[in-house]
C-alpha atoms as a PDB file:
ATOM      1  CA  UNK A   1     163.710 109.468  96.194  1.00  0.00           C
ATOM      2  CA  UNK A   2     163.118 109.576  92.467  1.00  0.00           C
ATOM      3  CA  UNK A   3     166.051 112.006  92.126  1.00  0.00           C
ATOM      4  CA  UNK A   4     168.317 108.956  92.466  1.00  0.00           C
ATOM      5  CA  UNK A   5     167.228 107.745  89.023  1.00  0.00           C
ATOM      6  CA  UNK A   6     168.616 110.919  87.495  1.00  0.00           C
ATOM      7  CA  UNK A   7     172.088 110.314  88.906  1.00  0.00           C
ATOM      8  CA  UNK A   8     172.009 106.495  88.782  1.00  0.00           C
ATOM      9  CA  UNK A   9     169.869 105.563  85.772  1.00  0.00           C
ATOM     10  CA  UNK A  10     170.599 101.823  86.075  1.00  0.00           C
ATOM     11  CA  UNK A  11     169.055 101.574  89.532  1.00  0.00           C
ATOM     12  CA  UNK A  12     166.580  98.693  89.834  1.00  0.00           C
ATOM     13  CA  UNK A  13     163.063  98.724  91.252  1.00  0.00           C
ATOM     14  CA  UNK A  14     164.263  96.596  94.169  1.00  0.00           C
ATOM     15  CA  UNK A  15     167.032  99.078  94.964  1.00  0.00           C
ATOM     16  CA  UNK A  16     164.597 102.001  94.770  1.00  0.00           C
ATOM     17  CA  UNK A  17     162.272 100.183  97.152  1.00  0.00           C
ATOM     18  CA  UNK A  18     165.164  99.747  99.610  1.00  0.00           C
ATOM     19  CA  UNK A  19     166.186 103.403  99.347  1.00  0.00           C
ATOM     20  CA  UNK A  20     162.588 104.526  99.824  1.00  0.00           C
ATOM     21  CA  UNK A  21     162.347 102.667 103.136  1.00  0.00           C
ATOM     22  CA  UNK A  22     165.285 104.554 104.664  1.00  0.00           C
ATOM     23  CA  UNK A  23     163.654 107.900 105.620  1.00  0.00           C
ATOM     24  CA  UNK A  24     160.887 106.271 107.652  1.00  0.00           C
ATOM     25  CA  UNK A  25     163.218 103.750 109.278  1.00  0.00           C
ATOM     26  CA  UNK A  26     165.717 106.405 110.349  1.00  0.00           C
ATOM     27  CA  UNK A  27     163.003 108.797 111.523  1.00  0.00           C
ATOM     28  CA  UNK A  28     161.657 106.021 113.740  1.00  0.00           C
ATOM     29  CA  UNK A  29     165.073 105.108 115.134  1.00  0.00           C
ATOM     30  CA  UNK A  30     166.039 108.743 115.594  1.00  0.00           C
ATOM     31  CA  UNK A  31     163.016 109.237 117.846  1.00  0.00           C
ATOM     32  CA  UNK A  32     164.578 106.627 120.192  1.00  0.00           C
ATOM     33  CA  UNK A  33     168.337 107.033 119.642  1.00  0.00           C
ATOM     34  CA  UNK A  34     170.095 110.036 118.114  1.00  0.00           C
ATOM     35  CA  UNK A  35     171.828 108.297 115.187  1.00  0.00           C
ATOM     36  CA  UNK A  36     171.375 111.110 112.652  1.00  0.00           C
ATOM     37  CA  UNK A  37     171.661 114.825 113.417  1.00  0.00           C
ATOM     38  CA  UNK A  38     168.179 115.952 114.439  1.00  0.00           C
ATOM     39  CA  UNK A  39     168.424 119.055 112.259  1.00  0.00           C
ATOM     40  CA  UNK A  40     169.193 116.812 109.263  1.00  0.00           C
ATOM     41  CA  UNK A  41     166.722 113.970 109.719  1.00  0.00           C
ATOM     42  CA  UNK A  42     164.109 115.601 107.442  1.00  0.00           C
ATOM     43  CA  UNK A  43     166.827 116.038 104.797  1.00  0.00           C
ATOM     44  CA  UNK A  44     168.034 112.422 104.970  1.00  0.00           C
ATOM     45  CA  UNK A  45     167.556 111.650 101.227  1.00  0.00           C
ATOM     46  CA  UNK A  46     169.923 114.437 100.121  1.00  0.00           C
ATOM     47  CA  UNK A  47     172.239 115.007 103.080  1.00  0.00           C
ATOM     48  CA  UNK A  48     172.837 111.376 103.974  1.00  0.00           C
ATOM     49  CA  UNK A  49     171.800 109.042 101.151  1.00  0.00           C
ATOM     50  CA  UNK A  50     172.883 111.095  98.121  1.00  0.00           C
ATOM     51  CA  UNK A  51     175.963 112.372  99.958  1.00  0.00           C
ATOM     52  CA  UNK A  52     177.026 108.774 100.648  1.00  0.00           C
ATOM     53  CA  UNK A  53     176.574 107.846  96.996  1.00  0.00           C
ATOM     54  CA  UNK A  54     178.950 110.612  95.882  1.00  0.00           C
ATOM     55  CA  UNK A  55     181.708 108.033  96.409  1.00  0.00           C
ATOM     56  CA  UNK A  56     180.435 106.080  93.400  1.00  0.00           C
ATOM     57  CA  UNK A  57     181.197 109.057  91.159  1.00  0.00           C
ATOM     58  CA  UNK A  58     184.864 108.574  92.066  1.00  0.00           C
ATOM     59  CA  UNK A  59     185.126 104.785  91.875  1.00  0.00           C
ATOM     60  CA  UNK A  60     182.758 102.053  90.695  1.00  0.00           C
ATOM     61  CA  UNK A  61     183.147  99.019  92.944  1.00  0.00           C
ATOM     62  CA  UNK A  62     183.579  95.696  91.188  1.00  0.00           C
ATOM     63  CA  UNK A  63     181.759  92.519  92.120  1.00  0.00           C
ATOM     64  CA  UNK A  64     183.481  90.834  95.067  1.00  0.00           C
ATOM     65  CA  UNK A  65     185.167  93.999  96.314  1.00  0.00           C
ATOM     66  CA  UNK A  66     185.502  94.276 100.099  1.00  0.00           C
ATOM     67  CA  UNK A  67     184.834  97.648 101.714  1.00  0.00           C
ATOM     68  CA  UNK A  68     185.073  98.803 105.323  1.00  0.00           C
ATOM     69  CA  UNK A  69     182.967 101.754 106.478  1.00  0.00           C
ATOM     70  CA  UNK A  70     185.099 103.039 109.343  1.00  0.00           C
ATOM     71  CA  UNK A  71     183.097 104.872 112.029  1.00  0.00           C
ATOM     72  CA  UNK A  72     179.827 104.151 110.271  1.00  0.00           C
ATOM     73  CA  UNK A  73     177.538 105.821 112.824  1.00  0.00           C
ATOM     74  CA  UNK A  74     173.998 104.944 111.828  1.00  0.00           C
ATOM     75  CA  UNK A  75     175.153 103.419 108.543  1.00  0.00           C
ATOM     76  CA  UNK A  76     176.419 106.165 106.248  1.00  0.00           C
ATOM     77  CA  UNK A  77     177.972 105.879 103.738  1.00  0.00           C
ATOM     78  CA  UNK A  78     177.929 102.072 104.034  1.00  0.00           C
ATOM     79  CA  UNK A  79     174.222 101.265 103.754  1.00  0.00           C
ATOM     80  CA  UNK A  80     173.454 103.408 100.656  1.00  0.00           C
ATOM     81  CA  UNK A  81     176.596 102.054  98.958  1.00  0.00           C
ATOM     82  CA  UNK A  82     175.618  98.477  99.840  1.00  0.00           C
ATOM     83  CA  UNK A  83     172.182  98.993  98.264  1.00  0.00           C
ATOM     84  CA  UNK A  84     173.746 100.290  95.058  1.00  0.00           C
ATOM     85  CA  UNK A  85     176.409  97.552  94.959  1.00  0.00           C
ATOM     86  CA  UNK A  86     174.722  94.282  96.039  1.00  0.00           C
ATOM     87  CA  UNK A  87     177.659  92.172  94.739  1.00  0.00           C
ATOM     88  CA  UNK A  88     180.175  94.064  96.908  1.00  0.00           C
ATOM     89  CA  UNK A  89     180.859  93.105 100.533  1.00  0.00           C
ATOM     90  CA  UNK A  90     180.605  95.807 103.193  1.00  0.00           C
ATOM     91  CA  UNK A  91     181.834  95.679 106.790  1.00  0.00           C
ATOM     92  CA  UNK A  92     180.540  98.541 108.932  1.00  0.00           C
ATOM     93  CA  UNK A  93     182.281  99.267 112.232  1.00  0.00           C
ATOM     94  CA  UNK A  94     181.679 101.792 114.982  1.00  0.00           C
ATOM     95  CA  UNK A  95     182.739 101.999 118.599  1.00  0.00           C
ATOM     96  CA  UNK A  96     179.171 102.700 119.788  1.00  0.00           C
ATOM     97  CA  UNK A  97     177.036  99.578 120.184  1.00  0.00           C
ATOM     98  CA  UNK A  98     173.666 101.367 119.944  1.00  0.00           C
ATOM     99  CA  UNK A  99     174.616 102.661 116.499  1.00  0.00           C
ATOM    100  CA  UNK A 100     175.642  99.198 115.325  1.00  0.00           C
ATOM    101  CA  UNK A 101     172.327  97.859 116.638  1.00  0.00           C
ATOM    102  CA  UNK A 102     170.485 100.420 114.482  1.00  0.00           C
ATOM    103  CA  UNK A 103     172.596  99.470 111.451  1.00  0.00           C
ATOM    104  CA  UNK A 104     171.732  95.795 111.925  1.00  0.00           C
ATOM    105  CA  UNK A 105     168.029  96.582 112.305  1.00  0.00           C
ATOM    106  CA  UNK A 106     167.977  98.737 109.143  1.00  0.00           C
ATOM    107  CA  UNK A 107     169.956  96.136 107.175  1.00  0.00           C
ATOM    108  CA  UNK A 108     167.483  93.432 108.196  1.00  0.00           C
ATOM    109  CA  UNK A 109     164.438  95.617 107.530  1.00  0.00           C
ATOM    110  CA  UNK A 110     165.420  96.371 103.930  1.00  0.00           C
ATOM    111  CA  UNK A 111     166.800  92.904 103.208  1.00  0.00           C
ATOM    112  CA  UNK A 112     170.472  93.655 102.583  1.00  0.00           C
ATOM    113  CA  UNK A 113     172.579  90.486 102.323  1.00  0.00           C
ATOM    114  CA  UNK A 114     176.010  92.050 101.744  1.00  0.00           C
ATOM    115  CA  UNK A 115     176.532  93.941 105.031  1.00  0.00           C
ATOM    116  CA  UNK A 116     178.200  92.881 108.281  1.00  0.00           C
ATOM    117  CA  UNK A 117     178.163  95.350 111.181  1.00  0.00           C
ATOM    118  CA  UNK A 118     180.327  95.079 114.293  1.00  0.00           C
ATOM    119  CA  UNK A 119     181.037  97.168 117.353  1.00  0.00           C
ATOM    120  CA  UNK A 120     184.762  97.711 116.978  1.00  0.00           C
ATOM    121  CA  UNK A 121     187.331 100.482 116.725  1.00  0.00           C
ATOM    122  CA  UNK A 122     189.586 100.483 113.683  1.00  0.00           C
ATOM    123  CA  UNK A 123     192.747 100.045 115.752  1.00  0.00           C
ATOM    124  CA  UNK A 124     191.229  96.905 117.328  1.00  0.00           C
ATOM    125  CA  UNK A 125     190.311  95.202 114.043  1.00  0.00           C
ATOM    126  CA  UNK A 126     191.829  91.716 113.695  1.00  0.00           C
ATOM    127  CA  UNK A 127     189.850  90.348 110.750  1.00  0.00           C
ATOM    128  CA  UNK A 128     190.168  90.448 106.981  1.00  0.00           C
ATOM    129  CA  UNK A 129     191.713  93.296 104.999  1.00  0.00           C
ATOM    130  CA  UNK A 130     189.893  95.498 102.516  1.00  0.00           C
ATOM    131  CA  UNK A 131     190.164  97.046  99.076  1.00  0.00           C
ATOM    132  CA  UNK A 132     188.882 100.420 100.269  1.00  0.00           C
ATOM    133  CA  UNK A 133     188.119 102.148 103.542  1.00  0.00           C
ATOM    134  CA  UNK A 134     185.216 104.599 103.254  1.00  0.00           C
ATOM    135  CA  UNK A 135     184.368 107.177 105.906  1.00  0.00           C
ATOM    136  CA  UNK A 136     182.086 110.148 106.384  1.00  0.00           C
ATOM    137  CA  UNK A 137     182.929 113.020 108.750  1.00  0.00           C
ATOM    138  CA  UNK A 138     184.808 110.744 111.171  1.00  0.00           C
ATOM    139  CA  UNK A 139     188.248 112.214 111.953  1.00  0.00           C
ATOM    140  CA  UNK A 140     191.165 114.192 110.586  1.00  0.00           C
ATOM    141  CA  UNK A 141     192.987 112.646 107.637  1.00  0.00           C
ATOM    142  CA  UNK A 142     196.101 111.923 109.705  1.00  0.00           C
ATOM    143  CA  UNK A 143     194.033 109.753 112.062  1.00  0.00           C
ATOM    144  CA  UNK A 144     192.205 108.061 109.190  1.00  0.00           C
ATOM    145  CA  UNK A 145     195.575 107.327 107.596  1.00  0.00           C
ATOM    146  CA  UNK A 146     196.950 105.827 110.827  1.00  0.00           C
ATOM    147  CA  UNK A 147     193.883 103.632 111.343  1.00  0.00           C
ATOM    148  CA  UNK A 148     193.288 102.619 107.732  1.00  0.00           C
ATOM    149  CA  UNK A 149     196.658 101.758 106.229  1.00  0.00           C
ATOM    150  CA  UNK A 150     197.075  98.490 108.193  1.00  0.00           C
ATOM    151  CA  UNK A 151     193.587  97.413 107.049  1.00  0.00           C
ATOM    152  CA  UNK A 152     194.170  97.655 103.287  1.00  0.00           C
ATOM    153  CA  UNK A 153     194.967  94.746 101.002  1.00  0.00           C
ATOM    154  CA  UNK A 154     198.254  94.881  99.112  1.00  0.00           C
ATOM    155  CA  UNK A 155     196.793  93.530  95.859  1.00  0.00           C
ATOM    156  CA  UNK A 156     194.793  96.032  93.819  1.00  0.00           C
ATOM    157  CA  UNK A 157     191.524  95.043  92.155  1.00  0.00           C
ATOM    158  CA  UNK A 158     190.490  98.346  90.529  1.00  0.00           C
ATOM    159  CA  UNK A 159     192.087 100.919  88.203  1.00  0.00           C
ATOM    160  CA  UNK A 160     192.057 103.158  91.296  1.00  0.00           C
ATOM    161  CA  UNK A 161     194.537 101.586  93.764  1.00  0.00           C
ATOM    162  CA  UNK A 162     193.316 100.531  97.198  1.00  0.00           C
ATOM    163  CA  UNK A 163     193.031 103.365  99.699  1.00  0.00           C
ATOM    164  CA  UNK A 164     190.883 105.654 101.818  1.00  0.00           C
ATOM    165  CA  UNK A 165     187.843 107.390 100.316  1.00  0.00           C
ATOM    166  CA  UNK A 166     186.641 110.007 102.797  1.00  0.00           C
ATOM    167  CA  UNK A 167     183.638 112.318 102.578  1.00  0.00           C
ATOM    168  CA  UNK A 168     184.597 115.577 104.258  1.00  0.00           C
ATOM    169  CA  UNK A 169     183.614 119.240 104.356  1.00  0.00           C
ATOM    170  CA  UNK A 170     185.333 122.609 104.496  1.00  0.00           C
ATOM    171  CA  UNK A 171     188.875 123.624 103.562  1.00  0.00           C
ATOM    172  CA  UNK A 172     190.932 120.422 103.512  1.00  0.00           C
ATOM    173  CA  UNK A 173     194.275 121.676 102.181  1.00  0.00           C
ATOM    174  CA  UNK A 174     195.836 121.942 105.649  1.00  0.00           C
ATOM    175  CA  UNK A 175     194.676 118.419 106.565  1.00  0.00           C
ATOM    176  CA  UNK A 176     196.141 117.005 103.368  1.00  0.00           C
ATOM    177  CA  UNK A 177     199.480 118.732 104.036  1.00  0.00           C
ATOM    178  CA  UNK A 178     199.694 116.996 107.433  1.00  0.00           C
ATOM    179  CA  UNK A 179     199.735 113.545 105.812  1.00  0.00           C
ATOM    180  CA  UNK A 180     203.067 111.721 105.359  1.00  0.00           C
ATOM    181  CA  UNK A 181     205.052 113.425 102.598  1.00  0.00           C
ATOM    182  CA  UNK A 182     204.995 110.524 100.152  1.00  0.00           C
ATOM    183  CA  UNK A 183     201.213 110.147 100.346  1.00  0.00           C
ATOM    184  CA  UNK A 184     199.316 110.338  97.061  1.00  0.00           C
ATOM    185  CA  UNK A 185     196.030 112.186  97.504  1.00  0.00           C
ATOM    186  CA  UNK A 186     193.231 113.499  95.332  1.00  0.00           C
ATOM    187  CA  UNK A 187     190.687 116.134  96.360  1.00  0.00           C
ATOM    188  CA  UNK A 188     187.432 115.944  94.396  1.00  0.00           C
ATOM    189  CA  UNK A 189     184.785 118.640  95.003  1.00  0.00           C
ATOM    190  CA  UNK A 190     181.249 117.233  94.991  1.00  0.00           C
ATOM    191  CA  UNK A 191     180.060 119.492  92.165  1.00  0.00           C
ATOM    192  CA  UNK A 192     178.090 116.846  90.262  1.00  0.00           C
ATOM    193  CA  UNK A 193     174.974 117.200  92.488  1.00  0.00           C
ATOM    194  CA  UNK A 194     173.004 120.440  92.191  1.00  0.00           C
ATOM    195  CA  UNK A 195     171.929 120.896  95.814  1.00  0.00           C
ATOM    196  CA  UNK A 196     173.587 123.780  97.713  1.00  0.00           C
ATOM    197  CA  UNK A 197     174.369 121.380 100.564  1.00  0.00           C
ATOM    198  CA  UNK A 198     177.302 120.029  98.539  1.00  0.00           C
ATOM    199  CA  UNK A 199     178.996 123.380  97.834  1.00  0.00           C
ATOM    200  CA  UNK A 200     181.727 122.859 100.457  1.00  0.00           C
ATOM    201  CA  UNK A 201     181.723 119.059 100.405  1.00  0.00           C
ATOM    202  CA  UNK A 202     184.515 116.976  98.897  1.00  0.00           C
ATOM    203  CA  UNK A 203     185.799 113.452  98.428  1.00  0.00           C
ATOM    204  CA  UNK A 204     189.359 112.906  99.608  1.00  0.00           C
ATOM    205  CA  UNK A 205     191.195 109.869  98.248  1.00  0.00           C
ATOM    206  CA  UNK A 206     194.425 108.731  99.903  1.00  0.00           C
ATOM    207  CA  UNK A 207     196.203 105.868  98.172  1.00  0.00           C
ATOM    208  CA  UNK A 208     197.227 102.919 100.307  1.00  0.00           C
END
């Protein structure tokens, strides 16, 4: 995954080693449990790892930041973000236990110390609150808004106020219009990566 050095020139050798373990780990797990789309598994470096890291082009997480990956599936975007930001704390939740088991196995295999993964639905969460909620292809924005707003801290720690950062595809204007009228949103096309996969992909930010 040397292409990562082009987009993230400060990446360390340890981080590259962790990223390079992901394709083999997920290919192995996908042969047992379908955690990544089977048509995408051979494209994991671009379509899952690099796609997850698009979030860092919108906001750079500070040391000590707390992030929830809501509906993390097999660990995207949470695991790639956790590799890139080892001083940031990530909580990954999903309602499907087998996916959380895979996340925990991958986290242990690559030696991540800043990730906690739990089987839990967002509406059931009773723990700490977070600076940002990140998601990838989980639900419509209205649902993400309903689930996420109670989970956000009131005090802001970044120039970008706390909120939802969602990776989504397709035409999102209608979804944005369905949000509560006072919502502040930004729609950022992922046009900073050259691959054609990103042509209809965007980041949607909804302020908390």
